[in-house]
């Protein structure tokens, strides 16, 4: 389980870094698809963290989810 948690941590951080314009071009998919994959992996990692009681992973998932919510809220607010 320890190796699964480490793989999930590294996967989440890699997806976080690849979510931009460069990652979209590098992977050959749209940014919207990367966002959907990112949120899906966050949910899966959160469920796995709760199931295995790996609290460090759960804390990272919560932080990344809060950052994603803030980014979504910023992109929807009209700019002056």
Protein backbone atom coordinates (compact mmCIF):
# COMPACT_ATOMS: atom_id res chain seq x y z
CA UNK A 1 0.00 0.00 0.00
CA UNK A 2 2.90 2.33 0.67
CA UNK A 3 4.01 2.13 -2.98
CA UNK A 4 0.48 2.73 -4.22
CA UNK A 5 0.25 5.87 -2.11
CA UNK A 6 3.60 7.12 -3.41
CA UNK A 7 2.51 6.43 -6.99
CA UNK A 8 -0.73 8.34 -6.42
CA UNK A 9 1.17 11.27 -4.91
CA UNK A 10 3.55 11.44 -7.86
CA UNK A 11 0.71 11.02 -10.34
CA UNK A 12 -1.28 13.86 -8.79
CA UNK A 13 1.70 16.18 -8.80
CA UNK A 14 2.53 15.27 -12.42
CA UNK A 15 -1.06 15.93 -13.51
CA UNK A 16 -1.00 19.22 -11.64
CA UNK A 17 2.06 20.28 -13.61
CA UNK A 18 0.72 19.02 -16.96
CA UNK A 19 -2.64 20.79 -16.72
CA UNK A 20 -1.45 23.90 -18.51
CA UNK A 21 -1.17 24.77 -22.19
CA UNK A 22 2.19 23.03 -22.49
CA UNK A 23 0.81 19.81 -21.02
CA UNK A 24 -2.11 19.85 -23.43
CA UNK A 25 0.22 20.12 -26.39
CA UNK A 26 2.62 17.54 -24.96
CA UNK A 27 -0.09 14.95 -24.33
CA UNK A 28 -2.14 15.83 -27.41
CA UNK A 29 -5.44 16.35 -25.60
CA UNK A 30 -7.47 19.45 -24.80
CA UNK A 31 -7.18 21.32 -21.53
CA UNK A 32 -10.78 20.45 -20.69
CA UNK A 33 -10.00 16.72 -20.92
CA UNK A 34 -6.98 17.19 -18.67
CA UNK A 35 -9.14 19.01 -16.13
CA UNK A 36 -11.67 16.18 -16.11
CA UNK A 37 -8.93 13.57 -15.72
CA UNK A 38 -7.33 15.63 -12.94
CA UNK A 39 -10.56 15.89 -10.93
CA UNK A 40 -11.30 12.18 -11.48
CA UNK A 41 -7.84 11.20 -10.24
CA UNK A 42 -8.29 13.49 -7.22
CA UNK A 43 -11.54 11.74 -6.31
CA UNK A 44 -10.03 8.27 -6.79
CA UNK A 45 -6.98 9.22 -4.72
CA UNK A 46 -9.23 10.65 -1.99
CA UNK A 47 -11.27 7.45 -1.81
CA UNK A 48 -8.08 5.36 -1.76
CA UNK A 49 -6.62 7.54 1.00
CA UNK A 50 -9.70 7.14 3.17
CA UNK A 51 -9.88 3.41 2.50
CA UNK A 52 -6.22 2.85 3.40
CA UNK A 53 -6.17 5.49 6.14
CA UNK A 54 -3.19 7.19 4.54
CA UNK A 55 -3.73 10.67 5.93
CA UNK A 56 -0.82 12.38 4.19
CA UNK A 57 -2.31 11.47 0.82
CA UNK A 58 -5.73 12.65 1.96
CA UNK A 59 -4.26 15.99 3.07
CA UNK A 60 -2.59 16.44 -0.31
CA UNK A 61 -5.83 15.59 -2.13
CA UNK A 62 -7.76 18.12 -0.06
CA UNK A 63 -5.17 20.85 -0.73
CA UNK A 64 -5.15 20.15 -4.46
CA UNK A 65 -8.95 20.05 -4.57
CA UNK A 66 -9.20 23.40 -2.77
CA UNK A 67 -6.70 24.89 -5.23
CA UNK A 68 -8.77 23.55 -8.15
CA UNK A 69 -11.94 25.06 -6.71
CA UNK A 70 -10.20 28.43 -6.31
CA UNK A 71 -8.94 28.26 -9.90
CA UNK A 72 -12.43 27.42 -11.16
CA UNK A 73 -13.96 30.30 -9.20
CA UNK A 74 -11.37 32.74 -10.55
CA UNK A 75 -11.91 31.71 -14.14
CA UNK A 76 -15.69 32.21 -13.89
CA UNK A 77 -15.62 35.69 -12.36
CA UNK A 78 -15.81 38.48 -14.93
CA UNK A 79 -12.77 40.68 -15.14
CA UNK A 80 -12.96 44.45 -15.38
